[in-house]
N, C-alpha and C. Protein backbone atom coordinates (compact mmCIF):
# COMPACT_ATOMS: atom_id res chain seq x y z
N UNK A 1 -82.94 -66.88 0.37
CA UNK A 1 -82.13 -67.18 -0.78
C UNK A 1 -80.77 -66.50 -0.67
N UNK A 2 -80.69 -65.49 0.16
CA UNK A 2 -79.41 -64.80 0.33
C UNK A 2 -78.40 -65.72 1.00
N UNK A 3 -78.84 -66.46 1.99
CA UNK A 3 -77.94 -67.40 2.67
C UNK A 3 -77.49 -68.51 1.72
N UNK A 4 -78.39 -68.95 0.85
CA UNK A 4 -78.04 -69.99 -0.12
C UNK A 4 -77.00 -69.49 -1.10
N UNK A 5 -77.13 -68.23 -1.52
CA UNK A 5 -76.12 -67.65 -2.42
C UNK A 5 -74.77 -67.55 -1.73
N UNK A 6 -74.77 -67.14 -0.47
CA UNK A 6 -73.51 -67.01 0.26
C UNK A 6 -72.85 -68.37 0.43
N UNK A 7 -73.63 -69.39 0.79
CA UNK A 7 -73.07 -70.74 0.95
C UNK A 7 -72.50 -71.24 -0.36
N UNK A 8 -73.20 -71.02 -1.46
CA UNK A 8 -72.73 -71.50 -2.76
C UNK A 8 -71.50 -70.75 -3.24
N UNK A 9 -71.43 -69.46 -2.98
CA UNK A 9 -70.23 -68.69 -3.38
C UNK A 9 -69.02 -69.14 -2.58
N UNK A 10 -69.19 -69.30 -1.28
CA UNK A 10 -68.08 -69.76 -0.44
C UNK A 10 -67.64 -71.16 -0.87
N UNK A 11 -68.59 -72.04 -1.12
CA UNK A 11 -68.25 -73.38 -1.59
C UNK A 11 -67.56 -73.36 -2.94
N UNK A 12 -68.02 -72.51 -3.85
CA UNK A 12 -67.40 -72.40 -5.17
C UNK A 12 -65.97 -71.89 -5.09
N UNK A 13 -65.74 -70.88 -4.26
CA UNK A 13 -64.38 -70.35 -4.09
C UNK A 13 -63.49 -71.39 -3.44
N UNK A 14 -64.01 -72.09 -2.46
CA UNK A 14 -63.21 -73.12 -1.78
C UNK A 14 -62.84 -74.24 -2.75
N UNK A 15 -63.81 -74.71 -3.54
CA UNK A 15 -63.51 -75.76 -4.52
C UNK A 15 -62.58 -75.26 -5.62
N UNK A 16 -62.66 -73.97 -5.94
CA UNK A 16 -61.74 -73.40 -6.93
C UNK A 16 -60.31 -73.47 -6.42
N UNK A 17 -60.10 -73.12 -5.14
CA UNK A 17 -58.76 -73.20 -4.58
C UNK A 17 -58.27 -74.65 -4.49
N UNK A 18 -59.14 -75.57 -4.10
CA UNK A 18 -58.76 -76.98 -4.06
C UNK A 18 -58.41 -77.47 -5.46
N UNK A 19 -59.20 -77.08 -6.44
CA UNK A 19 -58.98 -77.53 -7.81
C UNK A 19 -57.67 -76.97 -8.38
N UNK A 20 -57.36 -75.71 -8.07
CA UNK A 20 -56.08 -75.13 -8.51
C UNK A 20 -54.93 -75.85 -7.83
N UNK A 21 -55.08 -76.19 -6.56
CA UNK A 21 -54.04 -76.96 -5.86
C UNK A 21 -53.83 -78.33 -6.48
N UNK A 22 -54.92 -78.99 -6.84
CA UNK A 22 -54.82 -80.30 -7.50
C UNK A 22 -54.18 -80.15 -8.87
N UNK A 23 -54.51 -79.07 -9.57
CA UNK A 23 -53.93 -78.81 -10.88
C UNK A 23 -52.41 -78.65 -10.78
N UNK A 24 -51.95 -77.90 -9.79
CA UNK A 24 -50.52 -77.70 -9.61
C UNK A 24 -49.84 -78.99 -9.15
N UNK A 25 -50.45 -79.69 -8.21
CA UNK A 25 -49.81 -80.91 -7.70
C UNK A 25 -49.86 -82.05 -8.71
N UNK A 26 -50.83 -82.06 -9.61
CA UNK A 26 -50.89 -83.14 -10.59
C UNK A 26 -49.76 -83.02 -11.61
N UNK A 27 -49.24 -81.82 -11.78
CA UNK A 27 -48.07 -81.68 -12.65
C UNK A 27 -46.85 -82.36 -12.05
N UNK A 28 -46.79 -82.39 -10.73
CA UNK A 28 -45.65 -83.02 -10.06
C UNK A 28 -45.88 -84.51 -9.83
N UNK A 29 -47.13 -84.94 -9.81
CA UNK A 29 -47.42 -86.36 -9.54
C UNK A 29 -46.89 -87.26 -10.64
N UNK A 30 -46.97 -86.81 -11.89
CA UNK A 30 -46.42 -87.60 -12.99
C UNK A 30 -44.94 -87.83 -12.82
N UNK A 31 -44.23 -86.81 -12.35
CA UNK A 31 -42.80 -86.95 -12.09
C UNK A 31 -42.50 -87.92 -10.97
N UNK A 32 -43.36 -87.94 -9.96
CA UNK A 32 -43.17 -88.88 -8.85
C UNK A 32 -43.31 -90.31 -9.35
N UNK A 33 -44.33 -90.56 -10.16
CA UNK A 33 -44.52 -91.91 -10.68
C UNK A 33 -43.39 -92.31 -11.62
N UNK A 34 -42.83 -91.36 -12.36
CA UNK A 34 -41.70 -91.68 -13.24
C UNK A 34 -40.45 -91.96 -12.43
N UNK A 35 -40.25 -91.22 -11.34
CA UNK A 35 -39.05 -91.40 -10.52
C UNK A 35 -39.01 -92.76 -9.84
N UNK A 36 -40.15 -93.26 -9.38
CA UNK A 36 -40.12 -94.56 -8.71
C UNK A 36 -40.16 -95.71 -9.70
N UNK A 37 -40.41 -95.41 -10.98
CA UNK A 37 -40.28 -96.37 -12.09
C UNK A 37 -41.04 -97.68 -11.83
N UNK A 38 -42.34 -97.57 -11.64
CA UNK A 38 -43.14 -98.77 -11.43
C UNK A 38 -44.09 -99.03 -12.59
N UNK A 39 -44.06 -98.18 -13.60
CA UNK A 39 -44.88 -98.41 -14.78
C UNK A 39 -46.35 -98.11 -14.61
N UNK A 40 -46.68 -97.23 -13.69
CA UNK A 40 -48.09 -96.86 -13.47
C UNK A 40 -48.33 -95.50 -14.09
N UNK A 41 -49.35 -95.38 -14.90
CA UNK A 41 -49.69 -94.12 -15.54
C UNK A 41 -50.90 -93.51 -14.83
N UNK A 42 -50.73 -92.39 -14.13
CA UNK A 42 -51.85 -91.81 -13.38
C UNK A 42 -52.72 -90.86 -14.21
N UNK A 43 -52.67 -90.96 -15.53
CA UNK A 43 -53.38 -90.00 -16.37
C UNK A 43 -54.90 -90.06 -16.17
N UNK A 44 -55.47 -91.25 -16.15
CA UNK A 44 -56.92 -91.37 -16.00
C UNK A 44 -57.42 -90.85 -14.65
N UNK A 45 -56.80 -91.23 -13.51
CA UNK A 45 -57.26 -90.64 -12.24
C UNK A 45 -57.09 -89.13 -12.17
N UNK A 46 -56.03 -88.61 -12.79
CA UNK A 46 -55.83 -87.16 -12.79
C UNK A 46 -56.92 -86.48 -13.60
N UNK A 47 -57.26 -87.03 -14.75
CA UNK A 47 -58.32 -86.44 -15.58
C UNK A 47 -59.66 -86.50 -14.85
N UNK A 48 -59.95 -87.62 -14.20
CA UNK A 48 -61.21 -87.75 -13.46
C UNK A 48 -61.27 -86.74 -12.31
N UNK A 49 -60.15 -86.57 -11.59
CA UNK A 49 -60.11 -85.61 -10.49
C UNK A 49 -60.32 -84.19 -10.99
N UNK A 50 -59.75 -83.86 -12.15
CA UNK A 50 -59.95 -82.52 -12.70
C UNK A 50 -61.37 -82.31 -13.19
N UNK A 51 -61.96 -83.32 -13.79
CA UNK A 51 -63.35 -83.18 -14.25
C UNK A 51 -64.31 -83.02 -13.08
N UNK A 52 -64.08 -83.77 -12.01
CA UNK A 52 -64.94 -83.63 -10.82
C UNK A 52 -64.76 -82.24 -10.21
N UNK A 53 -63.51 -81.78 -10.10
CA UNK A 53 -63.26 -80.45 -9.56
C UNK A 53 -63.89 -79.34 -10.39
N UNK A 54 -63.74 -79.45 -11.71
CA UNK A 54 -64.35 -78.46 -12.60
C UNK A 54 -65.88 -78.50 -12.49
N UNK A 55 -66.42 -79.69 -12.37
CA UNK A 55 -67.87 -79.83 -12.21
C UNK A 55 -68.38 -79.21 -10.92
N UNK A 56 -67.62 -79.37 -9.83
CA UNK A 56 -68.04 -78.79 -8.55
C UNK A 56 -67.98 -77.27 -8.58
N UNK A 57 -66.92 -76.72 -9.17
CA UNK A 57 -66.81 -75.26 -9.27
C UNK A 57 -67.94 -74.71 -10.14
N UNK A 58 -68.17 -75.36 -11.27
CA UNK A 58 -69.23 -74.92 -12.18
C UNK A 58 -70.61 -75.05 -11.54
N UNK A 59 -70.84 -76.13 -10.82
CA UNK A 59 -72.15 -76.33 -10.18
C UNK A 59 -72.44 -75.27 -9.12
N UNK A 60 -71.44 -74.95 -8.31
CA UNK A 60 -71.67 -73.95 -7.26
C UNK A 60 -71.92 -72.56 -7.83
N UNK A 61 -71.08 -72.14 -8.77
CA UNK A 61 -71.29 -70.81 -9.35
C UNK A 61 -72.52 -70.78 -10.26
N UNK A 62 -72.82 -71.89 -10.90
CA UNK A 62 -74.04 -71.97 -11.71
C UNK A 62 -75.29 -71.87 -10.86
N UNK A 63 -75.25 -72.45 -9.67
CA UNK A 63 -76.40 -72.36 -8.78
C UNK A 63 -76.59 -70.93 -8.27
N UNK A 64 -75.48 -70.23 -8.03
CA UNK A 64 -75.58 -68.83 -7.63
C UNK A 64 -76.22 -68.02 -8.76
N UNK A 65 -75.79 -68.28 -9.99
CA UNK A 65 -76.38 -67.59 -11.15
C UNK A 65 -77.88 -67.90 -11.26
N UNK A 66 -78.24 -69.15 -11.03
CA UNK A 66 -79.64 -69.56 -11.08
C UNK A 66 -80.46 -68.83 -10.01
N UNK A 67 -79.91 -68.73 -8.80
CA UNK A 67 -80.62 -68.04 -7.73
C UNK A 67 -80.78 -66.55 -8.02
N UNK A 68 -79.74 -65.94 -8.58
CA UNK A 68 -79.83 -64.52 -8.94
C UNK A 68 -80.88 -64.31 -10.02
N UNK A 69 -80.90 -65.20 -10.99
CA UNK A 69 -81.89 -65.10 -12.08
C UNK A 69 -83.31 -65.25 -11.53
N UNK A 70 -83.52 -66.20 -10.64
CA UNK A 70 -84.86 -66.40 -10.06
C UNK A 70 -85.25 -65.22 -9.17
N UNK A 71 -84.28 -64.65 -8.47
CA UNK A 71 -84.57 -63.52 -7.60
C UNK A 71 -84.96 -62.28 -8.42
N UNK A 72 -84.31 -62.08 -9.55
CA UNK A 72 -84.65 -60.94 -10.40
C UNK A 72 -86.04 -61.08 -11.01
N UNK A 73 -86.43 -62.31 -11.30
CA UNK A 73 -87.77 -62.51 -11.88
C UNK A 73 -88.86 -62.57 -10.81
N UNK A 74 -88.47 -62.49 -9.54
CA UNK A 74 -89.45 -62.45 -8.47
C UNK A 74 -89.93 -63.80 -7.99
N UNK A 75 -89.30 -64.86 -8.44
CA UNK A 75 -89.71 -66.20 -8.02
C UNK A 75 -88.90 -66.63 -6.80
N UNK A 76 -89.50 -67.51 -6.02
CA UNK A 76 -88.85 -68.04 -4.83
C UNK A 76 -88.48 -69.49 -5.09
N UNK A 77 -87.26 -69.84 -4.74
CA UNK A 77 -86.79 -71.22 -4.90
C UNK A 77 -87.00 -71.93 -3.57
N UNK A 78 -87.81 -72.99 -3.60
CA UNK A 78 -88.04 -73.76 -2.38
C UNK A 78 -86.79 -74.57 -2.04
N UNK A 79 -86.48 -74.64 -0.79
CA UNK A 79 -85.36 -75.42 -0.27
C UNK A 79 -84.02 -74.98 -0.87
N UNK A 80 -83.85 -73.69 -1.08
CA UNK A 80 -82.62 -73.18 -1.70
C UNK A 80 -81.41 -73.44 -0.81
N UNK A 81 -81.57 -73.29 0.49
CA UNK A 81 -80.44 -73.52 1.40
C UNK A 81 -80.06 -74.99 1.41
N UNK A 82 -81.04 -75.88 1.37
CA UNK A 82 -80.74 -77.31 1.33
C UNK A 82 -79.94 -77.67 0.09
N UNK A 83 -80.35 -77.14 -1.06
CA UNK A 83 -79.63 -77.44 -2.30
C UNK A 83 -78.23 -76.86 -2.29
N UNK A 84 -78.07 -75.67 -1.73
CA UNK A 84 -76.73 -75.08 -1.67
C UNK A 84 -75.83 -75.86 -0.72
N UNK A 85 -76.39 -76.38 0.35
CA UNK A 85 -75.60 -77.23 1.26
C UNK A 85 -75.21 -78.52 0.56
N UNK A 86 -76.14 -79.10 -0.20
CA UNK A 86 -75.82 -80.32 -0.93
C UNK A 86 -74.75 -80.08 -1.99
N UNK A 87 -74.73 -78.91 -2.60
CA UNK A 87 -73.73 -78.60 -3.62
C UNK A 87 -72.39 -78.18 -3.03
N UNK A 88 -72.41 -77.55 -1.86
CA UNK A 88 -71.18 -76.98 -1.33
C UNK A 88 -70.56 -77.80 -0.21
N UNK A 89 -71.36 -78.34 0.69
CA UNK A 89 -70.78 -78.96 1.87
C UNK A 89 -70.62 -80.48 1.77
N UNK A 90 -71.55 -81.15 1.12
CA UNK A 90 -71.43 -82.61 1.00
C UNK A 90 -70.22 -83.01 0.16
N UNK A 91 -69.99 -82.39 -1.01
CA UNK A 91 -68.78 -82.75 -1.76
C UNK A 91 -67.49 -82.34 -1.05
N UNK A 92 -67.61 -81.42 -0.10
CA UNK A 92 -66.43 -81.01 0.66
C UNK A 92 -65.86 -82.18 1.45
N UNK A 93 -66.69 -83.12 1.82
CA UNK A 93 -66.23 -84.31 2.51
C UNK A 93 -65.81 -85.41 1.54
N UNK A 94 -66.48 -85.49 0.41
CA UNK A 94 -66.26 -86.60 -0.52
C UNK A 94 -65.11 -86.32 -1.49
N UNK A 95 -65.00 -85.10 -2.00
CA UNK A 95 -63.99 -84.78 -3.02
C UNK A 95 -62.55 -85.00 -2.52
N UNK A 96 -62.18 -84.57 -1.31
CA UNK A 96 -60.81 -84.88 -0.85
C UNK A 96 -60.55 -86.38 -0.71
N UNK A 97 -61.57 -87.15 -0.33
CA UNK A 97 -61.37 -88.61 -0.25
C UNK A 97 -61.14 -89.19 -1.64
N UNK A 98 -61.87 -88.71 -2.63
CA UNK A 98 -61.67 -89.17 -4.01
C UNK A 98 -60.26 -88.83 -4.47
N UNK A 99 -59.79 -87.64 -4.12
CA UNK A 99 -58.44 -87.23 -4.52
C UNK A 99 -57.38 -88.11 -3.88
N UNK A 100 -57.54 -88.39 -2.60
CA UNK A 100 -56.56 -89.23 -1.92
C UNK A 100 -56.54 -90.63 -2.50
N UNK A 101 -57.71 -91.22 -2.70
CA UNK A 101 -57.75 -92.59 -3.20
C UNK A 101 -57.33 -92.70 -4.66
N UNK A 102 -57.54 -91.65 -5.45
CA UNK A 102 -57.19 -91.77 -6.87
C UNK A 102 -55.79 -91.28 -7.18
N UNK A 103 -55.25 -90.35 -6.42
CA UNK A 103 -53.95 -89.78 -6.76
C UNK A 103 -52.82 -90.19 -5.82
N UNK A 104 -53.10 -90.30 -4.54
CA UNK A 104 -52.03 -90.55 -3.57
C UNK A 104 -51.98 -92.01 -3.14
N UNK A 105 -53.11 -92.64 -2.97
CA UNK A 105 -53.14 -94.03 -2.51
C UNK A 105 -52.40 -95.00 -3.44
N UNK A 106 -52.45 -94.83 -4.78
CA UNK A 106 -51.67 -95.75 -5.62
C UNK A 106 -50.16 -95.68 -5.37
N UNK A 107 -49.64 -94.52 -5.01
CA UNK A 107 -48.21 -94.43 -4.68
C UNK A 107 -47.91 -95.29 -3.47
N UNK A 108 -48.74 -95.17 -2.45
CA UNK A 108 -48.52 -95.94 -1.23
C UNK A 108 -48.68 -97.44 -1.48
N UNK A 109 -49.72 -97.82 -2.18
CA UNK A 109 -49.99 -99.25 -2.37
C UNK A 109 -48.99 -99.90 -3.32
N UNK A 110 -48.51 -99.16 -4.31
CA UNK A 110 -47.57 -99.75 -5.26
C UNK A 110 -46.15 -99.79 -4.72
N UNK A 111 -45.82 -98.89 -3.81
CA UNK A 111 -44.45 -98.87 -3.28
C UNK A 111 -44.34 -99.55 -1.92
N UNK A 112 -45.43 -100.01 -1.35
CA UNK A 112 -45.35 -100.61 -0.02
C UNK A 112 -44.67 -101.98 -0.06
N UNK A 113 -44.62 -102.60 -1.21
CA UNK A 113 -43.96 -103.91 -1.31
C UNK A 113 -42.46 -103.82 -1.44
N UNK A 114 -41.93 -102.62 -1.68
CA UNK A 114 -40.48 -102.48 -1.87
C UNK A 114 -39.76 -102.22 -0.59
């Protein structure tokens, strides 16, 4: 369970940094869409990206809390490393793709005709 806690903490910190980066860049993305004046409002994709990021950070740190609680009570969590890999490493591949397709791809697709 110690390895599962380490994997989940590293994943949580990594997603926290990605989420803060998305938070900072989303403030500038609205200005980019206003500057090119195409009438596209990126508010919904930005909100979805932030909710997914917040959910990933919360899930990783929540799983660490769950493992600590189970360890203090003397119980063993079966397949703890598998679950921590599913929470930390699988979204590491999927979350950046969601960000690119929801936040950056519309700029490319909407301006490629000009």
